[in-house]
PDB file of all heavy atoms in Angstrom:
ATOM      1  N   HIS A   1      75.749 -26.864 -57.898  1.00  0.00           N
ATOM      2  CA  HIS A   1      76.323 -28.194 -58.057  1.00  0.00           C
ATOM      3  C   HIS A   1      77.460 -28.160 -59.081  1.00  0.00           C
ATOM      4  O   HIS A   1      77.364 -27.484 -60.109  1.00  0.00           O
ATOM      5  CB  HIS A   1      75.265 -29.202 -58.508  1.00  0.00           C
ATOM      6  CG  HIS A   1      74.250 -29.521 -57.456  1.00  0.00           C
ATOM      7  ND1 HIS A   1      74.425 -30.526 -56.531  1.00  0.00           N
ATOM      8  CD2 HIS A   1      73.048 -28.945 -57.171  1.00  0.00           C
ATOM      9  CE1 HIS A   1      73.367 -30.577 -55.738  1.00  0.00           C
ATOM     10  NE2 HIS A   1      72.526 -29.628 -56.098  1.00  0.00           N
ATOM     11  N   ASN A   2      78.510 -28.897 -58.792  1.00  0.00           N
ATOM     12  CA  ASN A   2      79.612 -29.060 -59.733  1.00  0.00           C
ATOM     13  C   ASN A   2      79.217 -30.156 -60.717  1.00  0.00           C
ATOM     14  O   ASN A   2      79.228 -31.344 -60.375  1.00  0.00           O
ATOM     15  CB  ASN A   2      80.904 -29.418 -58.995  1.00  0.00           C
ATOM     16  CG  ASN A   2      82.115 -29.380 -59.894  1.00  0.00           C
ATOM     17  OD1 ASN A   2      82.071 -29.819 -61.037  1.00  0.00           O
ATOM     18  ND2 ASN A   2      83.223 -28.870 -59.386  1.00  0.00           N
ATOM     19  N   VAL A   3      78.859 -29.753 -61.927  1.00  0.00           N
ATOM     20  CA  VAL A   3      78.320 -30.705 -62.899  1.00  0.00           C
ATOM     21  C   VAL A   3      79.349 -31.768 -63.252  1.00  0.00           C
ATOM     22  O   VAL A   3      79.049 -32.969 -63.287  1.00  0.00           O
ATOM     23  CB  VAL A   3      77.843 -29.958 -64.162  1.00  0.00           C
ATOM     24  CG1 VAL A   3      77.398 -30.950 -65.234  1.00  0.00           C
ATOM     25  CG2 VAL A   3      76.699 -29.013 -63.820  1.00  0.00           C
ATOM     26  N   THR A   4      80.580 -31.361 -63.495  1.00  0.00           N
ATOM     27  CA  THR A   4      81.616 -32.319 -63.875  1.00  0.00           C
ATOM     28  C   THR A   4      81.881 -33.310 -62.761  1.00  0.00           C
ATOM     29  O   THR A   4      81.986 -34.522 -62.997  1.00  0.00           O
ATOM     30  CB  THR A   4      82.910 -31.579 -64.236  1.00  0.00           C
ATOM     31  OG1 THR A   4      82.643 -30.671 -65.308  1.00  0.00           O
ATOM     32  CG2 THR A   4      83.983 -32.564 -64.666  1.00  0.00           C
ATOM     33  N   ARG A   5      81.974 -32.819 -61.534  1.00  0.00           N
ATOM     34  CA  ARG A   5      82.233 -33.722 -60.419  1.00  0.00           C
ATOM     35  C   ARG A   5      81.069 -34.674 -60.187  1.00  0.00           C
ATOM     36  O   ARG A   5      81.268 -35.867 -59.915  1.00  0.00           O
ATOM     37  CB  ARG A   5      82.508 -32.913 -59.158  1.00  0.00           C
ATOM     38  CG  ARG A   5      82.862 -33.765 -57.936  1.00  0.00           C
ATOM     39  CD  ARG A   5      83.264 -32.895 -56.764  1.00  0.00           C
ATOM     40  NE  ARG A   5      82.159 -31.994 -56.395  1.00  0.00           N
ATOM     41  CZ  ARG A   5      82.303 -30.998 -55.528  1.00  0.00           C
ATOM     42  NH1 ARG A   5      83.481 -30.750 -54.975  1.00  0.00           N
ATOM     43  NH2 ARG A   5      81.255 -30.237 -55.229  1.00  0.00           N
ATOM     44  N   SER A   6      79.840 -34.167 -60.302  1.00  0.00           N
ATOM     45  CA  SER A   6      78.674 -35.030 -60.107  1.00  0.00           C
ATOM     46  C   SER A   6      78.621 -36.141 -61.147  1.00  0.00           C
ATOM     47  O   SER A   6      78.390 -37.316 -60.818  1.00  0.00           O
ATOM     48  CB  SER A   6      77.393 -34.190 -60.170  1.00  0.00           C
ATOM     49  OG  SER A   6      77.352 -33.237 -59.141  1.00  0.00           O
ATOM     50  N   ARG A   7      78.859 -35.763 -62.419  1.00  0.00           N
ATOM     51  CA  ARG A   7      78.803 -36.771 -63.466  1.00  0.00           C
ATOM     52  C   ARG A   7      79.981 -37.745 -63.351  1.00  0.00           C
ATOM     53  O   ARG A   7      79.834 -38.942 -63.624  1.00  0.00           O
ATOM     54  CB  ARG A   7      78.780 -36.098 -64.838  1.00  0.00           C
ATOM     55  CG  ARG A   7      78.516 -37.066 -65.970  1.00  0.00           C
ATOM     56  CD  ARG A   7      78.127 -36.335 -67.239  1.00  0.00           C
ATOM     57  NE  ARG A   7      76.735 -35.897 -67.199  1.00  0.00           N
ATOM     58  CZ  ARG A   7      76.346 -34.658 -67.351  1.00  0.00           C
ATOM     59  NH1 ARG A   7      77.237 -33.702 -67.541  1.00  0.00           N
ATOM     60  NH2 ARG A   7      75.072 -34.340 -67.324  1.00  0.00           N
ATOM     61  N   THR A   8      81.142 -37.283 -62.936  1.00  0.00           N
ATOM     62  CA  THR A   8      82.293 -38.174 -62.747  1.00  0.00           C
ATOM     63  C   THR A   8      82.013 -39.185 -61.646  1.00  0.00           C
ATOM     64  O   THR A   8      82.303 -40.380 -61.783  1.00  0.00           O
ATOM     65  CB  THR A   8      83.549 -37.362 -62.414  1.00  0.00           C
ATOM     66  OG1 THR A   8      83.812 -36.435 -63.472  1.00  0.00           O
ATOM     67  CG2 THR A   8      84.754 -38.276 -62.241  1.00  0.00           C
ATOM     68  N   THR A   9      81.430 -38.707 -60.544  1.00  0.00           N
ATOM     69  CA  THR A   9      81.084 -39.620 -59.453  1.00  0.00           C
ATOM     70  C   THR A   9      80.071 -40.663 -59.904  1.00  0.00           C
ATOM     71  O   THR A   9      80.183 -41.852 -59.580  1.00  0.00           O
ATOM     72  CB  THR A   9      80.519 -38.827 -58.270  1.00  0.00           C
ATOM     73  OG1 THR A   9      81.480 -37.849 -57.845  1.00  0.00           O
ATOM     74  CG2 THR A   9      80.196 -39.741 -57.101  1.00  0.00           C
ATOM     75  N   GLY A  10      79.089 -40.224 -60.687  1.00  0.00           N
ATOM     76  CA  GLY A  10      78.078 -41.159 -61.166  1.00  0.00           C
ATOM     77  C   GLY A  10      78.637 -42.211 -62.102  1.00  0.00           C
ATOM     78  O   GLY A  10      78.317 -43.402 -61.983  1.00  0.00           O
ATOM     79  N   VAL A  11      79.478 -41.785 -63.049  1.00  0.00           N
ATOM     80  CA  VAL A  11      80.075 -42.745 -63.981  1.00  0.00           C
ATOM     81  C   VAL A  11      80.993 -43.717 -63.239  1.00  0.00           C
ATOM     82  O   VAL A  11      81.027 -44.919 -63.551  1.00  0.00           O
ATOM     83  CB  VAL A  11      80.833 -41.997 -65.096  1.00  0.00           C
ATOM     84  CG1 VAL A  11      81.619 -42.977 -65.960  1.00  0.00           C
ATOM     85  CG2 VAL A  11      79.854 -41.220 -65.964  1.00  0.00           C
ATOM     86  N   ALA A  12      81.722 -43.230 -62.239  1.00  0.00           N
ATOM     87  CA  ALA A  12      82.569 -44.121 -61.441  1.00  0.00           C
ATOM     88  C   ALA A  12      81.725 -45.151 -60.702  1.00  0.00           C
ATOM     89  O   ALA A  12      82.074 -46.344 -60.644  1.00  0.00           O
ATOM     90  CB  ALA A  12      83.403 -43.302 -60.461  1.00  0.00           C
ATOM     91  N   ALA A  13      80.597 -44.714 -60.123  1.00  0.00           N
ATOM     92  CA  ALA A  13      79.718 -45.652 -59.427  1.00  0.00           C
ATOM     93  C   ALA A  13      79.151 -46.690 -60.387  1.00  0.00           C
ATOM     94  O   ALA A  13      79.090 -47.893 -60.069  1.00  0.00           O
ATOM     95  CB  ALA A  13      78.583 -44.886 -58.742  1.00  0.00           C
ATOM     96  N   ILE A  14      78.737 -46.249 -61.581  1.00  0.00           N
ATOM     97  CA  ILE A  14      78.204 -47.183 -62.572  1.00  0.00           C
ATOM     98  C   ILE A  14      79.257 -48.209 -62.973  1.00  0.00           C
ATOM     99  O   ILE A  14      78.985 -49.413 -63.051  1.00  0.00           O
ATOM    100  CB  ILE A  14      77.706 -46.405 -63.804  1.00  0.00           C
ATOM    101  CG1 ILE A  14      76.481 -45.570 -63.445  1.00  0.00           C
ATOM    102  CG2 ILE A  14      77.364 -47.351 -64.944  1.00  0.00           C
ATOM    103  CD1 ILE A  14      76.075 -44.588 -64.513  1.00  0.00           C
ATOM    104  N   ALA A  15      80.487 -47.737 -63.214  1.00  0.00           N
ATOM    105  CA  ALA A  15      81.549 -48.640 -63.638  1.00  0.00           C
ATOM    106  C   ALA A  15      81.855 -49.673 -62.561  1.00  0.00           C
ATOM    107  O   ALA A  15      82.021 -50.867 -62.849  1.00  0.00           O
ATOM    108  CB  ALA A  15      82.796 -47.839 -63.979  1.00  0.00           C
ATOM    109  N   VAL A  16      81.927 -49.232 -61.318  1.00  0.00           N
ATOM    110  CA  VAL A  16      82.246 -50.159 -60.229  1.00  0.00           C
ATOM    111  C   VAL A  16      81.118 -51.161 -60.029  1.00  0.00           C
ATOM    112  O   VAL A  16      81.365 -52.370 -59.858  1.00  0.00           O
ATOM    113  CB  VAL A  16      82.522 -49.370 -58.929  1.00  0.00           C
ATOM    114  CG1 VAL A  16      82.674 -50.314 -57.755  1.00  0.00           C
ATOM    115  CG2 VAL A  16      83.777 -48.525 -59.081  1.00  0.00           C
ATOM    116  N   LEU A  17      79.873 -50.700 -60.055  1.00  0.00           N
ATOM    117  CA  LEU A  17      78.738 -51.596 -59.825  1.00  0.00           C
ATOM    118  C   LEU A  17      78.593 -52.624 -60.938  1.00  0.00           C
ATOM    119  O   LEU A  17      78.488 -53.836 -60.677  1.00  0.00           O
ATOM    120  CB  LEU A  17      77.451 -50.779 -59.698  1.00  0.00           C
ATOM    121  CG  LEU A  17      77.291 -49.953 -58.423  1.00  0.00           C
ATOM    122  CD1 LEU A  17      76.108 -49.002 -58.538  1.00  0.00           C
ATOM    123  CD2 LEU A  17      77.119 -50.856 -57.216  1.00  0.00           C
ATOM    124  N   VAL A  18      78.583 -52.161 -62.180  1.00  0.00           N
ATOM    125  CA  VAL A  18      78.400 -53.088 -63.300  1.00  0.00           C
ATOM    126  C   VAL A  18      79.623 -53.975 -63.453  1.00  0.00           C
ATOM    127  O   VAL A  18      79.500 -55.176 -63.740  1.00  0.00           O
ATOM    128  CB  VAL A  18      78.099 -52.321 -64.596  1.00  0.00           C
ATOM    129  CG1 VAL A  18      77.957 -53.274 -65.765  1.00  0.00           C
ATOM    130  CG2 VAL A  18      76.830 -51.513 -64.436  1.00  0.00           C
ATOM    131  N   GLY A  19      80.819 -53.414 -63.273  1.00  0.00           N
ATOM    132  CA  GLY A  19      82.022 -54.235 -63.355  1.00  0.00           C
ATOM    133  C   GLY A  19      82.019 -55.346 -62.325  1.00  0.00           C
ATOM    134  O   GLY A  19      82.400 -56.486 -62.612  1.00  0.00           O
ATOM    135  N   SER A  20      81.586 -55.049 -61.116  1.00  0.00           N
ATOM    136  CA  SER A  20      81.520 -56.072 -60.073  1.00  0.00           C
ATOM    137  C   SER A  20      80.505 -57.153 -60.417  1.00  0.00           C
ATOM    138  O   SER A  20      80.773 -58.354 -60.270  1.00  0.00           O
ATOM    139  CB  SER A  20      81.161 -55.420 -58.736  1.00  0.00           C
ATOM    140  OG  SER A  20      82.085 -54.423 -58.384  1.00  0.00           O
ATOM    141  N   ALA A  21      79.309 -56.738 -60.868  1.00  0.00           N
ATOM    142  CA  ALA A  21      78.269 -57.708 -61.197  1.00  0.00           C
ATOM    143  C   ALA A  21      78.676 -58.586 -62.373  1.00  0.00           C
ATOM    144  O   ALA A  21      78.476 -59.814 -62.363  1.00  0.00           O
ATOM    145  CB  ALA A  21      76.951 -56.983 -61.496  1.00  0.00           C
ATOM    146  N   VAL A  22      79.253 -57.975 -63.399  1.00  0.00           N
ATOM    147  CA  VAL A  22      79.678 -58.736 -64.577  1.00  0.00           C
ATOM    148  C   VAL A  22      80.812 -59.682 -64.219  1.00  0.00           C
ATOM    149  O   VAL A  22      80.883 -60.815 -64.711  1.00  0.00           O
ATOM    150  CB  VAL A  22      80.077 -57.774 -65.712  1.00  0.00           C
ATOM    151  CG1 VAL A  22      80.739 -58.519 -66.854  1.00  0.00           C
ATOM    152  CG2 VAL A  22      78.855 -57.031 -66.224  1.00  0.00           C
ATOM    153  N   ALA A  23      81.714 -59.234 -63.350  1.00  0.00           N
ATOM    154  CA  ALA A  23      82.800 -60.109 -62.925  1.00  0.00           C
ATOM    155  C   ALA A  23      82.283 -61.309 -62.147  1.00  0.00           C
ATOM    156  O   ALA A  23      82.833 -62.410 -62.246  1.00  0.00           O
ATOM    157  CB  ALA A  23      83.791 -59.320 -62.071  1.00  0.00           C
ATOM    158  N   LEU A  24      81.214 -61.130 -61.383  1.00  0.00           N
ATOM    159  CA  LEU A  24      80.673 -62.226 -60.591  1.00  0.00           C
ATOM    160  C   LEU A  24      79.898 -63.232 -61.433  1.00  0.00           C
ATOM    161  O   LEU A  24      80.089 -64.440 -61.279  1.00  0.00           O
ATOM    162  CB  LEU A  24      79.739 -61.667 -59.512  1.00  0.00           C
ATOM    163  CG  LEU A  24      80.343 -61.286 -58.170  1.00  0.00           C
ATOM    164  CD1 LEU A  24      79.282 -60.660 -57.283  1.00  0.00           C
ATOM    165  CD2 LEU A  24      80.967 -62.485 -57.486  1.00  0.00           C
ATOM    166  N   CYS A  25      79.033 -62.757 -62.318  1.00  0.00           N
ATOM    167  CA  CYS A  25      78.097 -63.692 -62.951  1.00  0.00           C
ATOM    168  C   CYS A  25      77.888 -63.445 -64.427  1.00  0.00           C
ATOM    169  O   CYS A  25      76.943 -63.992 -65.005  1.00  0.00           O
ATOM    170  CB  CYS A  25      76.747 -63.630 -62.231  1.00  0.00           C
ATOM    171  SG  CYS A  25      76.129 -61.980 -61.952  1.00  0.00           S
ATOM    172  N   GLY A  26      78.720 -62.650 -65.078  1.00  0.00           N
ATOM    173  CA  GLY A  26      78.564 -62.431 -66.491  1.00  0.00           C
ATOM    174  C   GLY A  26      77.529 -61.358 -66.781  1.00  0.00           C
ATOM    175  O   GLY A  26      76.923 -60.786 -65.878  1.00  0.00           O
ATOM    176  N   PRO A  27      77.279 -61.080 -68.055  1.00  0.00           N
ATOM    177  CA  PRO A  27      76.347 -60.013 -68.435  1.00  0.00           C
ATOM    178  C   PRO A  27      74.893 -60.473 -68.333  1.00  0.00           C
ATOM    179  O   PRO A  27      74.347 -61.076 -69.248  1.00  0.00           O
ATOM    180  CB  PRO A  27      76.737 -59.708 -69.881  1.00  0.00           C
ATOM    181  CG  PRO A  27      77.311 -60.992 -70.389  1.00  0.00           C
ATOM    182  CD  PRO A  27      77.961 -61.672 -69.225  1.00  0.00           C
ATOM    183  N   ILE A  28      74.251 -60.169 -67.216  1.00  0.00           N
ATOM    184  CA  ILE A  28      72.845 -60.505 -67.024  1.00  0.00           C
ATOM    185  C   ILE A  28      71.995 -59.396 -67.632  1.00  0.00           C
ATOM    186  O   ILE A  28      72.138 -58.229 -67.282  1.00  0.00           O
ATOM    187  CB  ILE A  28      72.526 -60.682 -65.530  1.00  0.00           C
ATOM    188  CG1 ILE A  28      73.311 -61.872 -64.971  1.00  0.00           C
ATOM    189  CG2 ILE A  28      71.041 -60.891 -65.314  1.00  0.00           C
ATOM    190  CD1 ILE A  28      73.060 -62.127 -63.505  1.00  0.00           C
ATOM    191  N   SER A  29      71.106 -59.775 -68.527  1.00  0.00           N
ATOM    192  CA  SER A  29      70.337 -58.785 -69.286  1.00  0.00           C
ATOM    193  C   SER A  29      69.081 -58.348 -68.537  1.00  0.00           C
ATOM    194  O   SER A  29      68.581 -59.057 -67.658  1.00  0.00           O
ATOM    195  CB  SER A  29      69.928 -59.368 -70.642  1.00  0.00           C
ATOM    196  OG  SER A  29      71.063 -59.789 -71.370  1.00  0.00           O
ATOM    197  N   PHE A  30      68.586 -57.182 -68.907  1.00  0.00           N
ATOM    198  CA  PHE A  30      67.271 -56.645 -68.565  1.00  0.00           C
ATOM    199  C   PHE A  30      67.131 -56.177 -67.119  1.00  0.00           C
ATOM    200  O   PHE A  30      66.147 -55.509 -66.797  1.00  0.00           O
ATOM    201  CB  PHE A  30      66.151 -57.664 -68.863  1.00  0.00           C
ATOM    202  CG  PHE A  30      65.868 -57.806 -70.317  1.00  0.00           C
ATOM    203  CD1 PHE A  30      66.325 -58.894 -71.020  1.00  0.00           C
ATOM    204  CD2 PHE A  30      65.146 -56.836 -70.987  1.00  0.00           C
ATOM    205  CE1 PHE A  30      66.075 -59.024 -72.371  1.00  0.00           C
ATOM    206  CE2 PHE A  30      64.889 -56.963 -72.342  1.00  0.00           C
ATOM    207  CZ  PHE A  30      65.345 -58.053 -73.035  1.00  0.00           C
ATOM    208  N   VAL A  31      68.062 -56.505 -66.230  1.00  0.00           N
ATOM    209  CA  VAL A  31      67.922 -56.031 -64.853  1.00  0.00           C
ATOM    210  C   VAL A  31      68.094 -54.518 -64.800  1.00  0.00           C
ATOM    211  O   VAL A  31      67.242 -53.783 -64.283  1.00  0.00           O
ATOM    212  CB  VAL A  31      68.926 -56.729 -63.921  1.00  0.00           C
ATOM    213  CG1 VAL A  31      68.796 -56.191 -62.502  1.00  0.00           C
ATOM    214  CG2 VAL A  31      68.704 -58.227 -63.926  1.00  0.00           C
ATOM    215  N   GLY A  32      69.205 -54.036 -65.348  1.00  0.00           N
ATOM    216  CA  GLY A  32      69.446 -52.604 -65.345  1.00  0.00           C
ATOM    217  C   GLY A  32      68.526 -51.834 -66.257  1.00  0.00           C
ATOM    218  O   GLY A  32      68.433 -50.607 -66.151  1.00  0.00           O
ATOM    219  N   LEU A  33      67.816 -52.514 -67.141  1.00  0.00           N
ATOM    220  CA  LEU A  33      66.921 -51.850 -68.088  1.00  0.00           C
ATOM    221  C   LEU A  33      65.503 -51.728 -67.547  1.00  0.00           C
ATOM    222  O   LEU A  33      64.861 -50.679 -67.649  1.00  0.00           O
ATOM    223  CB  LEU A  33      66.915 -52.620 -69.409  1.00  0.00           C
ATOM    224  CG  LEU A  33      66.165 -52.000 -70.582  1.00  0.00           C
ATOM    225  CD1 LEU A  33      66.785 -50.671 -70.973  1.00  0.00           C
ATOM    226  CD2 LEU A  33      66.158 -52.954 -71.761  1.00  0.00           C
ATOM    227  N   VAL A  34      64.980 -52.800 -66.945  1.00  0.00           N
ATOM    228  CA  VAL A  34      63.582 -52.844 -66.523  1.00  0.00           C
ATOM    229  C   VAL A  34      63.399 -52.358 -65.092  1.00  0.00           C
ATOM    230  O   VAL A  34      62.431 -51.651 -64.781  1.00  0.00           O
ATOM    231  CB  VAL A  34      63.037 -54.282 -66.677  1.00  0.00           C
ATOM    232  CG1 VAL A  34      61.634 -54.395 -66.095  1.00  0.00           C
ATOM    233  CG2 VAL A  34      63.039 -54.704 -68.133  1.00  0.00           C
ATOM    234  N   VAL A  35      64.327 -52.728 -64.202  1.00  0.00           N
ATOM    235  CA  VAL A  35      64.163 -52.429 -62.779  1.00  0.00           C
ATOM    236  C   VAL A  35      63.954 -50.943 -62.498  1.00  0.00           C
ATOM    237  O   VAL A  35      63.083 -50.580 -61.692  1.00  0.00           O
ATOM    238  CB  VAL A  35      65.360 -52.991 -61.990  1.00  0.00           C
ATOM    239  CG1 VAL A  35      65.459 -52.361 -60.604  1.00  0.00           C
ATOM    240  CG2 VAL A  35      65.235 -54.505 -61.860  1.00  0.00           C
ATOM    241  N   PRO A  36      64.724 -50.013 -63.105  1.00  0.00           N
ATOM    242  CA  PRO A  36      64.487 -48.595 -62.794  1.00  0.00           C
ATOM    243  C   PRO A  36      63.071 -48.120 -63.101  1.00  0.00           C
ATOM    244  O   PRO A  36      62.522 -47.286 -62.375  1.00  0.00           O
ATOM    245  CB  PRO A  36      65.519 -47.868 -63.676  1.00  0.00           C
ATOM    246  CG  PRO A  36      66.608 -48.860 -63.872  1.00  0.00           C
ATOM    247  CD  PRO A  36      65.916 -50.177 -63.965  1.00  0.00           C
ATOM    248  N   HIS A  37      62.447 -48.653 -64.156  1.00  0.00           N
ATOM    249  CA  HIS A  37      61.083 -48.249 -64.486  1.00  0.00           C
ATOM    250  C   HIS A  37      60.101 -48.763 -63.434  1.00  0.00           C
ATOM    251  O   HIS A  37      59.167 -48.051 -63.045  1.00  0.00           O
ATOM    252  CB  HIS A  37      60.699 -48.771 -65.862  1.00  0.00           C
ATOM    253  CG  HIS A  37      61.444 -48.114 -66.978  1.00  0.00           C
ATOM    254  ND1 HIS A  37      61.105 -46.870 -67.469  1.00  0.00           N
ATOM    255  CD2 HIS A  37      62.537 -48.505 -67.683  1.00  0.00           C
ATOM    256  CE1 HIS A  37      61.950 -46.530 -68.443  1.00  0.00           C
ATOM    257  NE2 HIS A  37      62.818 -47.508 -68.588  1.00  0.00           N
ATOM    258  N   VAL A  38      60.303 -49.995 -62.979  1.00  0.00           N
ATOM    259  CA  VAL A  38      59.435 -50.538 -61.928  1.00  0.00           C
ATOM    260  C   VAL A  38      59.612 -49.743 -60.643  1.00  0.00           C
ATOM    261  O   VAL A  38      58.635 -49.370 -59.973  1.00  0.00           O
ATOM    262  CB  VAL A  38      59.748 -52.029 -61.698  1.00  0.00           C
ATOM    263  CG1 VAL A  38      58.890 -52.593 -60.568  1.00  0.00           C
ATOM    264  CG2 VAL A  38      59.536 -52.826 -62.976  1.00  0.00           C
ATOM    265  N   ALA A  39      60.865 -49.465 -60.278  1.00  0.00           N
ATOM    266  CA  ALA A  39      61.123 -48.711 -59.053  1.00  0.00           C
ATOM    267  C   ALA A  39      60.578 -47.294 -59.148  1.00  0.00           C
ATOM    268  O   ALA A  39      60.010 -46.762 -58.177  1.00  0.00           O
ATOM    269  CB  ALA A  39      62.629 -48.684 -58.773  1.00  0.00           C
ATOM    270  N   ARG A  40      60.705 -46.661 -60.317  1.00  0.00           N
ATOM    271  CA  ARG A  40      60.227 -45.292 -60.487  1.00  0.00           C
ATOM    272  C   ARG A  40      58.701 -45.212 -60.369  1.00  0.00           C
ATOM    273  O   ARG A  40      58.154 -44.200 -59.930  1.00  0.00           O
ATOM    274  CB  ARG A  40      60.682 -44.752 -61.841  1.00  0.00           C
ATOM    275  CG  ARG A  40      60.517 -43.244 -61.994  1.00  0.00           C
ATOM    276  CD  ARG A  40      61.050 -42.771 -63.328  1.00  0.00           C
ATOM    277  NE  ARG A  40      62.493 -42.923 -63.416  1.00  0.00           N
ATOM    278  CZ  ARG A  40      63.102 -43.827 -64.179  1.00  0.00           C
ATOM    279  NH1 ARG A  40      62.384 -44.656 -64.925  1.00  0.00           N
ATOM    280  NH2 ARG A  40      64.407 -43.920 -64.208  1.00  0.00           N
ATOM    281  N   TYR A  41      58.016 -46.274 -60.760  1.00  0.00           N
ATOM    282  CA  TYR A  41      56.555 -46.287 -60.655  1.00  0.00           C
ATOM    283  C   TYR A  41      56.107 -46.162 -59.199  1.00  0.00           C
ATOM    284  O   TYR A  41      55.074 -45.540 -58.900  1.00  0.00           O
ATOM    285  CB  TYR A  41      56.011 -47.578 -61.268  1.00  0.00           C
ATOM    286  CG  TYR A  41      54.514 -47.728 -61.196  1.00  0.00           C
ATOM    287  CD1 TYR A  41      53.679 -47.055 -62.092  1.00  0.00           C
ATOM    288  CD2 TYR A  41      53.926 -48.520 -60.219  1.00  0.00           C
ATOM    289  CE1 TYR A  41      52.304 -47.192 -62.020  1.00  0.00           C
ATOM    290  CE2 TYR A  41      52.548 -48.663 -60.138  1.00  0.00           C
ATOM    291  CZ  TYR A  41      51.750 -47.997 -61.043  1.00  0.00           C
ATOM    292  OH  TYR A  41      50.383 -48.126 -60.963  1.00  0.00           O
ATOM    293  N   PHE A  42      56.864 -46.745 -58.265  1.00  0.00           N
ATOM    294  CA  PHE A  42      56.482 -46.722 -56.855  1.00  0.00           C
ATOM    295  C   PHE A  42      57.154 -45.587 -56.074  1.00  0.00           C
ATOM    296  O   PHE A  42      56.580 -45.083 -55.111  1.00  0.00           O
ATOM    297  CB  PHE A  42      56.835 -48.063 -56.189  1.00  0.00           C
ATOM    298  CG  PHE A  42      56.046 -49.228 -56.709  1.00  0.00           C
ATOM    299  CD1 PHE A  42      56.593 -50.090 -57.644  1.00  0.00           C
ATOM    300  CD2 PHE A  42      54.750 -49.450 -56.277  1.00  0.00           C
ATOM    301  CE1 PHE A  42      55.864 -51.161 -58.135  1.00  0.00           C
ATOM    302  CE2 PHE A  42      54.011 -50.520 -56.755  1.00  0.00           C
ATOM    303  CZ  PHE A  42      54.577 -51.379 -57.691  1.00  0.00           C
ATOM    304  N   SER A  43      58.343 -45.201 -56.469  1.00  0.00           N
ATOM    305  CA  SER A  43      59.087 -44.211 -55.687  1.00  0.00           C
ATOM    306  C   SER A  43      58.948 -42.796 -56.215  1.00  0.00           C
ATOM    307  O   SER A  43      59.179 -41.836 -55.478  1.00  0.00           O
ATOM    308  CB  SER A  43      60.570 -44.586 -55.660  1.00  0.00           C
ATOM    309  OG  SER A  43      61.157 -44.432 -56.943  1.00  0.00           O
ATOM    310  N   GLY A  44      58.616 -42.644 -57.499  1.00  0.00           N
ATOM    311  CA  GLY A  44      58.600 -41.317 -58.091  1.00  0.00           C
ATOM    312  C   GLY A  44      59.964 -40.961 -58.656  1.00  0.00           C
ATOM    313  O   GLY A  44      60.910 -41.759 -58.590  1.00  0.00           O
TER     314      GLY A  44
END
């Protein structure tokens, strides 16, 4: 795996996703913090 390319793609995806959500409705707290733990409990 190309580590630099993988991390660049991930940071770009994070920026686009969070930027879009924040642009739509402002900084909504706790969704990005709590949801991954709940999802990881069921998905592994």
